[in-house]
């Protein structure tokens, strides 16, 4: 018995040389990862230190890592910088309308559907036409608001009103597939439009208060556009991906293949036609010139479709047996399971709009409508450059994306990993 115990202990004990080798291997791996992280993070570190230097120190050779004298006043100077340009009501109203549209659409989706006894409440023959009428009136109200508030042109009011009405009608169509209580749907639609109107006025006033050619207005523009585009794409791309991944309908594979083929078209090909179209619609210097054309993305639809294909169908079939509709299954079963992929899409689209330059440069030409990346050019002129203020702006521009990624990096990696797995 003693010999058996002795032999087992000898098997479990590792030689000291093996332990030392494992320890050195771990130390080397972590050292390489730290070194690689410092190399990749070096531009951010150098920019941060450069924001406390003078312009002559930044361009001096040989370069120095730390400033000779820390110029702490560079940051307050940037926040107080005003490059001119008044806050105009038309641009502020367009930002408010996009925020109000998102609020109305999301509120309607969250409150318009409930589990009710069949045939209870308002009849479908009355509720559906009434919901369509309310959606059309919502678009007409937005068009009237633009005409009365800023004196917008006929083409702008028609295009914006029609776009808002169509988006709200999409929500009504989704509700109609679920055999809802139409009385609740109509009330939710009225409530969501009222909430959207309040948010529209609120964001318009915030934009006017932020001023014209100032950092706070540029930051507000960038944040609103980034959140709106990422959120809208999250909603519409998730619904489209659910249809491609879980539903069967004629021509599904052909439509999906055609959508993927559009990813091969270079953006430069559509640049001039898109600008001409926005000019004809009178959408230049308006927030909806970026938000409405960016409601969907082929890349986001593809990523979400691949993720949803890996979700087991048992949960979905159990929901159907319990009487859930397609939209109820999508909202209550699929979306919670797809959280990693949804956060991945949100981060990618938020980062894409936050770092966008060419689109905002073309469509948002006034100083009160600039985003951060476009505004950075003002500190680098032909004859004089404020490089220290430029570095301050670059640091502030990079911080939100870094914070967002570090907060949700686990979900981002998980979403990308599972996107290529098909169940």
Protein backbone atom coordinates (compact mmCIF):
# COMPACT_ATOMS: atom_id res chain seq x y z
CA UNK A 1 0.00 0.00 0.00
CA UNK A 2 2.81 2.35 0.89
CA UNK A 3 4.53 1.58 -2.41
CA UNK A 4 1.33 2.46 -4.33
CA UNK A 5 1.06 5.80 -2.51
CA UNK A 6 4.70 6.54 -3.15
CA UNK A 7 4.39 5.75 -6.86
CA UNK A 8 1.27 7.95 -7.26
CA UNK A 9 2.97 10.87 -5.54
CA UNK A 10 5.98 10.50 -7.79
CA UNK A 11 3.70 10.64 -10.84
CA UNK A 12 1.90 13.81 -9.68
CA UNK A 13 5.09 15.70 -8.77
CA UNK A 14 6.71 17.63 -11.62
CA UNK A 15 10.43 18.24 -11.80
CA UNK A 16 11.51 21.71 -10.78
CA UNK A 17 12.93 22.28 -14.26
CA UNK A 18 9.49 21.82 -15.84
CA UNK A 19 7.92 24.34 -13.42
CA UNK A 20 10.63 26.87 -14.24
CA UNK A 21 10.11 26.35 -17.96
CA UNK A 22 6.33 26.89 -17.65
CA UNK A 23 6.86 30.03 -15.59
CA UNK A 24 9.34 31.46 -18.10
CA UNK A 25 6.94 30.66 -20.94
CA UNK A 26 4.11 32.55 -19.24
CA UNK A 27 6.40 35.51 -18.47
CA UNK A 28 7.64 35.70 -22.07
CA UNK A 29 4.08 35.53 -23.45
CA UNK A 30 2.84 38.30 -21.20
CA UNK A 31 5.92 40.41 -21.90
CA UNK A 32 5.37 40.09 -25.65
CA UNK A 33 1.69 40.97 -25.29
CA UNK A 34 2.52 44.04 -23.19
CA UNK A 35 5.20 45.11 -25.67
CA UNK A 36 2.83 44.67 -28.61
CA UNK A 37 0.13 46.62 -26.76
CA UNK A 38 2.54 49.48 -26.09
CA UNK A 39 3.60 49.55 -29.75
CA UNK A 40 -0.01 49.66 -30.96
CA UNK A 41 -0.96 52.21 -28.32
CA UNK A 42 2.13 54.39 -28.91
CA UNK A 43 0.40 56.90 -31.27
CA UNK A 44 -2.25 57.61 -28.65
CA UNK A 45 0.40 58.06 -25.93
CA UNK A 46 2.51 60.35 -28.12
CA UNK A 47 -0.55 62.39 -29.07
CA UNK A 48 -1.54 62.78 -25.44
CA UNK A 49 1.94 63.97 -24.43
CA UNK A 50 2.13 66.20 -27.50
CA UNK A 51 -1.07 67.96 -26.48
CA UNK A 52 0.92 69.54 -23.61
CA UNK A 53 3.75 70.80 -25.85
CA UNK A 54 4.26 73.96 -27.83
CA UNK A 55 4.05 73.88 -31.62
CA UNK A 56 7.83 74.23 -31.95
CA UNK A 57 8.43 71.27 -29.64
CA UNK A 58 6.06 69.06 -31.64
CA UNK A 59 7.95 69.60 -34.92
CA UNK A 60 11.44 69.75 -33.34
CA UNK A 61 14.12 67.22 -34.32
CA UNK A 62 15.22 65.10 -32.60
CA UNK A 63 11.80 64.59 -31.03
CA UNK A 64 11.34 64.45 -27.27
CA UNK A 65 8.90 62.26 -25.39
CA UNK A 66 7.97 64.67 -22.60
CA UNK A 67 7.48 68.44 -22.95
CA UNK A 68 10.08 70.79 -21.49
CA UNK A 69 7.31 72.80 -19.87
CA UNK A 70 3.83 71.37 -19.58
CA UNK A 71 1.42 73.61 -21.45
CA UNK A 72 -1.69 72.92 -19.37
CA UNK A 73 -3.51 75.83 -20.99
CA UNK A 74 -3.75 73.99 -24.33
CA UNK A 75 -6.83 72.06 -23.20
CA UNK A 76 -8.81 75.08 -21.90
CA UNK A 77 -7.84 76.95 -25.09
CA UNK A 78 -9.33 74.22 -27.22
CA UNK A 79 -12.58 74.09 -25.25
CA UNK A 80 -12.89 77.87 -25.53
CA UNK A 81 -12.02 77.98 -29.25
CA UNK A 82 -14.69 79.50 -31.49
CA UNK A 83 -13.97 79.49 -35.22
CA UNK A 84 -17.10 81.41 -36.12
CA UNK A 85 -20.32 80.29 -37.66
CA UNK A 86 -23.68 80.82 -35.99
CA UNK A 87 -25.98 78.05 -34.84
CA UNK A 88 -28.68 77.91 -37.50
CA UNK A 89 -32.14 76.56 -36.85
CA UNK A 90 -32.41 74.40 -39.97
CA UNK A 91 -29.45 72.21 -39.01
CA UNK A 92 -30.57 71.96 -35.39
CA UNK A 93 -34.08 70.99 -36.49
CA UNK A 94 -32.71 68.18 -38.67
CA UNK A 95 -30.78 66.76 -35.71
CA UNK A 96 -33.88 66.98 -33.55
CA UNK A 97 -36.04 65.25 -36.17
CA UNK A 98 -33.69 62.27 -36.41
CA UNK A 99 -33.59 61.89 -32.62
CA UNK A 100 -37.38 62.21 -32.46
CA UNK A 101 -37.89 59.67 -35.25
CA UNK A 102 -35.74 57.10 -33.48
CA UNK A 103 -37.54 57.72 -30.18
CA UNK A 104 -40.95 57.33 -31.83
CA UNK A 105 -40.05 54.16 -33.73
CA UNK A 106 -38.40 52.44 -30.76
CA UNK A 107 -41.18 53.45 -28.35
CA UNK A 108 -43.80 52.09 -30.73
CA UNK A 109 -42.03 48.74 -31.10
CA UNK A 110 -41.63 48.36 -27.33
CA UNK A 111 -45.15 49.40 -26.29
CA UNK A 112 -47.39 48.50 -29.21
CA UNK A 113 -47.44 44.73 -28.75
CA UNK A 114 -48.79 42.73 -25.84
CA UNK A 115 -50.16 39.26 -25.26
CA UNK A 116 -53.95 39.61 -25.40
CA UNK A 117 -56.91 37.34 -25.98
CA UNK A 118 -57.69 37.00 -29.66
CA UNK A 119 -60.43 39.29 -31.03
CA UNK A 120 -60.30 41.45 -27.92
CA UNK A 121 -60.26 45.23 -28.35
CA UNK A 122 -60.54 47.13 -31.62
CA UNK A 123 -61.26 45.14 -34.78
CA UNK A 124 -58.51 44.74 -37.37
CA UNK A 125 -60.71 46.25 -40.10
CA UNK A 126 -60.76 49.49 -38.11
CA UNK A 127 -57.42 49.37 -36.27
CA UNK A 128 -55.16 48.76 -39.28
CA UNK A 129 -56.51 51.65 -41.44
CA UNK A 130 -56.48 53.92 -38.40
CA UNK A 131 -52.83 53.02 -37.65
CA UNK A 132 -51.87 53.68 -41.27
CA UNK A 133 -53.66 57.03 -41.12
CA UNK A 134 -51.86 58.01 -37.90
CA UNK A 135 -48.49 57.07 -39.46
CA UNK A 136 -49.21 59.20 -42.51
CA UNK A 137 -50.29 62.07 -40.26
CA UNK A 138 -47.00 61.71 -38.38
CA UNK A 139 -45.06 62.18 -41.62
CA UNK A 140 -47.29 65.12 -42.56
CA UNK A 141 -46.69 66.68 -39.13
CA UNK A 142 -42.91 66.42 -39.63
CA UNK A 143 -43.23 68.07 -43.05
CA UNK A 144 -45.39 70.85 -41.57
CA UNK A 145 -42.86 71.32 -38.77
CA UNK A 146 -40.03 71.83 -41.27
CA UNK A 147 -42.09 74.26 -43.33
CA UNK A 148 -43.36 76.28 -40.37
CA UNK A 149 -40.19 76.19 -38.28
CA UNK A 150 -37.41 76.77 -40.80
CA UNK A 151 -39.23 77.50 -44.08
CA UNK A 152 -37.82 74.40 -45.76
CA UNK A 153 -38.29 73.90 -49.49
CA UNK A 154 -41.01 71.76 -51.00
CA UNK A 155 -38.69 68.91 -51.97
CA UNK A 156 -37.14 68.74 -48.50
CA UNK A 157 -40.49 68.68 -46.71
CA UNK A 158 -41.94 66.05 -49.05
CA UNK A 159 -38.87 63.79 -48.84
CA UNK A 160 -38.54 63.99 -45.06
CA UNK A 161 -42.27 63.58 -44.44
CA UNK A 162 -42.46 60.57 -46.76
CA UNK A 163 -39.38 58.97 -45.16
CA UNK A 164 -40.77 59.33 -41.64
CA UNK A 165 -44.19 58.01 -42.70
CA UNK A 166 -42.62 54.98 -44.40
CA UNK A 167 -40.50 54.14 -41.36
CA UNK A 168 -43.52 54.32 -39.06
CA UNK A 169 -45.54 52.20 -41.53
CA UNK A 170 -42.86 49.53 -41.28
CA UNK A 171 -43.56 49.40 -37.55
CA UNK A 172 -47.30 49.11 -38.20
CA UNK A 173 -46.64 46.26 -40.66
CA UNK A 174 -44.62 44.42 -38.03
CA UNK A 175 -47.44 44.82 -35.54
CA UNK A 176 -49.99 43.64 -38.09
CA UNK A 177 -48.18 40.31 -38.43
CA UNK A 178 -48.77 39.55 -34.73
CA UNK A 179 -52.60 39.69 -34.47
CA UNK A 180 -52.36 42.47 -31.84
CA UNK A 181 -54.88 44.42 -29.83
CA UNK A 182 -55.36 47.23 -32.36
CA UNK A 183 -56.67 49.62 -29.74
CA UNK A 184 -53.34 49.29 -27.93
CA UNK A 185 -51.45 49.66 -31.22
CA UNK A 186 -53.21 52.92 -32.09
CA UNK A 187 -52.68 54.34 -28.60
CA UNK A 188 -49.02 53.28 -28.64
CA UNK A 189 -48.58 54.92 -32.03
CA UNK A 190 -50.07 58.20 -30.78
CA UNK A 191 -47.97 58.07 -27.62
CA UNK A 192 -44.76 57.32 -29.56
CA UNK A 193 -45.34 60.21 -31.97
CA UNK A 194 -45.94 62.54 -29.01
CA UNK A 195 -42.72 61.33 -27.36
CA UNK A 196 -40.88 61.83 -30.65
CA UNK A 197 -42.17 65.41 -30.90
CA UNK A 198 -40.91 66.21 -27.39
CA UNK A 199 -37.48 64.71 -28.13
CA UNK A 200 -37.32 66.63 -31.42
CA UNK A 201 -37.83 69.98 -29.69
CA UNK A 202 -35.44 69.03 -26.87
CA UNK A 203 -32.57 68.06 -29.16
CA UNK A 204 -33.16 71.10 -31.34
CA UNK A 205 -32.79 73.38 -28.32
CA UNK A 206 -29.66 71.54 -27.16
CA UNK A 207 -28.10 72.00 -30.60
CA UNK A 208 -28.91 75.71 -30.60
CA UNK A 209 -27.51 76.09 -27.08
CA UNK A 210 -24.28 74.30 -28.08
CA UNK A 211 -23.57 77.11 -30.55
CA UNK A 212 -21.96 77.21 -33.97
CA UNK A 213 -18.27 76.61 -34.70
CA UNK A 214 -17.37 75.32 -31.25
CA UNK A 215 -16.14 72.02 -29.82
CA UNK A 216 -19.34 71.31 -27.91
CA UNK A 217 -21.48 71.65 -31.04
CA UNK A 218 -19.15 69.40 -33.05
CA UNK A 219 -19.16 66.83 -30.27
CA UNK A 220 -22.96 66.98 -30.08
CA UNK A 221 -23.30 66.54 -33.86
CA UNK A 222 -20.92 63.59 -33.88
CA UNK A 223 -22.56 61.89 -30.91
CA UNK A 224 -26.12 62.29 -32.22
CA UNK A 225 -25.27 61.09 -35.72
CA UNK A 226 -23.21 58.14 -34.45
CA UNK A 227 -25.85 56.95 -31.98
CA UNK A 228 -28.71 57.43 -34.45
CA UNK A 229 -27.01 55.58 -37.31
CA UNK A 230 -25.81 52.73 -35.09
CA UNK A 231 -29.21 52.36 -33.42
CA UNK A 232 -31.22 52.49 -36.65
CA UNK A 233 -28.93 49.96 -38.30
CA UNK A 234 -29.20 47.73 -35.26
CA UNK A 235 -33.00 47.65 -35.53
CA UNK A 236 -33.39 47.32 -39.29
CA UNK A 237 -30.43 45.01 -39.88
CA UNK A 238 -31.55 42.71 -37.06
CA UNK A 239 -35.05 42.41 -38.55
CA UNK A 240 -33.63 41.78 -42.03
CA UNK A 241 -31.16 39.19 -40.74
CA UNK A 242 -33.96 37.39 -38.88
CA UNK A 243 -35.90 37.08 -42.12
CA UNK A 244 -32.88 35.74 -44.01
CA UNK A 245 -31.78 33.34 -41.27
CA UNK A 246 -35.05 31.96 -39.86
CA UNK A 247 -37.87 32.48 -42.36
CA UNK A 248 -38.54 30.71 -45.64
CA UNK A 249 -39.94 32.72 -48.54
CA UNK A 250 -39.57 32.61 -52.34
CA UNK A 251 -36.38 34.20 -53.63
CA UNK A 252 -34.71 34.41 -50.23
CA UNK A 253 -31.32 33.09 -51.37
CA UNK A 254 -31.35 35.21 -54.53
CA UNK A 255 -32.09 38.39 -52.57
CA UNK A 256 -29.42 37.52 -50.00
CA UNK A 257 -26.83 36.88 -52.74
CA UNK A 258 -27.73 40.15 -54.45
CA UNK A 259 -27.34 41.99 -51.15
CA UNK A 260 -23.87 40.46 -50.65
CA UNK A 261 -22.94 41.44 -54.20
CA UNK A 262 -23.59 45.10 -53.36
CA UNK A 263 -20.69 44.94 -50.89
CA UNK A 264 -18.31 44.66 -53.87
CA UNK A 265 -19.37 48.06 -55.26
CA UNK A 266 -16.77 50.70 -54.29
CA UNK A 267 -18.11 53.68 -52.43
CA UNK A 268 -16.44 56.04 -54.91
CA UNK A 269 -18.76 54.77 -57.66
CA UNK A 270 -21.87 56.07 -55.87
CA UNK A 271 -20.26 59.20 -54.45
CA UNK A 272 -21.26 61.67 -57.17
CA UNK A 273 -24.78 60.25 -57.81
CA UNK A 274 -25.47 60.24 -54.06
CA UNK A 275 -24.39 63.87 -53.73
CA UNK A 276 -26.54 64.90 -56.70
CA UNK A 277 -29.52 63.10 -55.16
CA UNK A 278 -29.01 64.78 -51.77
CA UNK A 279 -28.73 68.14 -53.48
CA UNK A 280 -31.97 67.58 -55.40
CA UNK A 281 -33.71 66.57 -52.17
CA UNK A 282 -32.34 69.74 -50.49
CA UNK A 283 -30.72 67.61 -47.79
CA UNK A 284 -27.30 69.30 -47.82
CA UNK A 285 -26.39 70.52 -44.31
CA UNK A 286 -29.12 68.33 -42.86
CA UNK A 287 -28.62 65.40 -40.48
CA UNK A 288 -30.96 63.12 -42.41
CA UNK A 289 -28.60 63.18 -45.41
CA UNK A 290 -26.45 60.71 -43.44
CA UNK A 291 -28.97 58.92 -41.21
CA UNK A 292 -31.75 57.92 -43.62
CA UNK A 293 -29.48 56.52 -46.39
CA UNK A 294 -27.59 54.61 -43.68
CA UNK A 295 -30.58 52.77 -42.19
CA UNK A 296 -29.21 49.40 -43.33
CA UNK A 297 -25.80 47.94 -44.05
CA UNK A 298 -25.07 44.80 -46.07
CA UNK A 299 -22.10 43.93 -43.85
CA UNK A 300 -24.15 44.18 -40.66
CA UNK A 301 -26.97 42.09 -42.17
CA UNK A 302 -24.47 39.40 -43.18
CA UNK A 303 -22.86 39.28 -39.74
CA UNK A 304 -26.21 39.04 -37.93
CA UNK A 305 -27.55 36.47 -40.40
CA UNK A 306 -24.60 34.17 -39.80
CA UNK A 307 -25.00 34.56 -36.04
CA UNK A 308 -28.74 33.85 -36.07
CA UNK A 309 -28.22 30.70 -38.12
CA UNK A 310 -26.34 29.27 -35.13
CA UNK A 311 -29.26 29.82 -32.72
CA UNK A 312 -31.07 26.51 -31.98
CA UNK A 313 -34.52 26.28 -33.54
CA UNK A 314 -36.01 24.45 -30.55
CA UNK A 315 -36.60 27.67 -28.61
CA UNK A 316 -38.19 29.29 -31.65
CA UNK A 317 -40.49 26.33 -32.26
CA UNK A 318 -41.51 26.29 -28.58
CA UNK A 319 -42.50 29.96 -28.88
CA UNK A 320 -44.61 29.18 -31.96
CA UNK A 321 -46.36 26.36 -30.08
CA UNK A 322 -47.19 28.81 -27.29
CA UNK A 323 -48.90 31.06 -29.85
CA UNK A 324 -46.17 33.66 -30.39
CA UNK A 325 -46.05 35.47 -33.71
CA UNK A 326 -42.94 36.05 -35.81
CA UNK A 327 -42.39 39.49 -34.31
CA UNK A 328 -42.96 38.28 -30.74
CA UNK A 329 -40.48 35.44 -31.29
CA UNK A 330 -37.99 37.88 -32.74
CA UNK A 331 -38.36 40.36 -29.87
CA UNK A 332 -38.61 37.97 -26.91
CA UNK A 333 -36.52 34.96 -28.02
CA UNK A 334 -34.07 35.84 -30.77
CA UNK A 335 -32.89 39.30 -29.70
CA UNK A 336 -31.83 38.30 -26.15
CA UNK A 337 -29.82 35.39 -27.56
CA UNK A 338 -28.20 37.61 -30.20
CA UNK A 339 -26.91 40.18 -27.72
CA UNK A 340 -23.18 39.64 -28.53
CA UNK A 341 -23.77 40.08 -32.27
CA UNK A 342 -26.01 43.10 -31.71
CA UNK A 343 -23.40 44.81 -29.55
CA UNK A 344 -20.77 43.99 -32.18
CA UNK A 345 -22.83 45.67 -34.90
CA UNK A 346 -23.50 48.68 -32.68
CA UNK A 347 -19.80 49.14 -31.88
CA UNK A 348 -18.75 48.77 -35.52
CA UNK A 349 -21.37 51.19 -36.84
CA UNK A 350 -20.83 53.69 -34.03
CA UNK A 351 -17.10 53.63 -34.69
CA UNK A 352 -17.67 53.89 -38.43
CA UNK A 353 -19.78 57.04 -38.13
CA UNK A 354 -17.62 58.54 -35.38
CA UNK A 355 -14.53 58.19 -37.59
CA UNK A 356 -16.31 59.09 -40.85
CA UNK A 357 -14.82 61.95 -42.82
CA UNK A 358 -15.78 61.94 -46.51
CA UNK A 359 -19.56 61.71 -46.08
CA UNK A 360 -19.83 64.48 -43.45
CA UNK A 361 -17.38 66.59 -45.46
CA UNK A 362 -19.63 66.39 -48.53
CA UNK A 363 -23.06 66.70 -46.95
CA UNK A 364 -22.43 68.81 -43.82
CA UNK A 365 -20.59 71.86 -45.11
CA UNK A 366 -21.49 74.56 -42.57
CA UNK A 367 -19.39 75.01 -39.44
CA UNK A 368 -22.34 74.47 -37.12
CA UNK A 369 -22.98 71.06 -38.76
CA UNK A 370 -19.40 69.77 -38.78
CA UNK A 371 -18.48 66.56 -37.02
CA UNK A 372 -15.23 66.19 -35.08
CA UNK A 373 -13.15 64.70 -37.90
CA UNK A 374 -14.10 67.50 -40.29
CA UNK A 375 -13.54 70.16 -37.63
CA UNK A 376 -9.97 68.98 -37.03
CA UNK A 377 -8.87 70.55 -40.32
CA UNK A 378 -9.54 74.05 -38.98
CA UNK A 379 -6.45 73.81 -36.73
CA UNK A 380 -4.12 73.10 -39.65
CA UNK A 381 -4.12 75.97 -42.11
CA UNK A 382 -1.96 76.74 -45.11
CA UNK A 383 0.30 79.23 -43.34
CA UNK A 384 -0.19 78.45 -39.66
CA UNK A 385 -1.03 75.30 -37.74
CA UNK A 386 -2.13 74.86 -34.13
CA UNK A 387 -0.67 71.38 -33.79
CA UNK A 388 -1.05 71.25 -30.01
CA UNK A 389 -4.76 72.06 -30.24
CA UNK A 390 -5.05 69.55 -33.08
CA UNK A 391 -3.64 66.84 -30.80
CA UNK A 392 -6.06 67.82 -28.03
CA UNK A 393 -8.94 67.43 -30.48
CA UNK A 394 -7.57 64.08 -31.70
CA UNK A 395 -7.38 62.74 -28.14
CA UNK A 396 -10.93 63.83 -27.35
CA UNK A 397 -12.12 62.36 -30.64
CA UNK A 398 -10.56 58.96 -29.90
CA UNK A 399 -11.64 58.63 -26.26
CA UNK A 400 -15.35 57.71 -26.72
CA UNK A 401 -14.57 54.90 -29.16
CA UNK A 402 -11.85 53.50 -26.88
CA UNK A 403 -14.14 53.59 -23.86
CA UNK A 404 -16.96 51.92 -25.79
CA UNK A 405 -14.67 49.16 -27.04
CA UNK A 406 -13.10 48.45 -23.65
CA UNK A 407 -16.52 48.30 -21.98
CA UNK A 408 -17.97 45.80 -24.46
CA UNK A 409 -14.85 44.09 -25.84
CA UNK A 410 -15.94 40.71 -24.47
CA UNK A 411 -19.24 40.84 -26.36
CA UNK A 412 -17.47 42.15 -29.46
CA UNK A 413 -15.06 39.20 -29.59
CA UNK A 414 -17.86 36.74 -28.85
CA UNK A 415 -20.07 38.19 -31.57
CA UNK A 416 -17.35 38.05 -34.22
CA UNK A 417 -16.38 34.51 -33.19
CA UNK A 418 -19.91 33.09 -33.41
CA UNK A 419 -20.80 34.95 -36.61
CA UNK A 420 -18.98 32.37 -38.71
CA UNK A 421 -20.57 29.34 -37.00
CA UNK A 422 -23.64 27.87 -38.63
CA UNK A 423 -25.96 25.74 -36.52
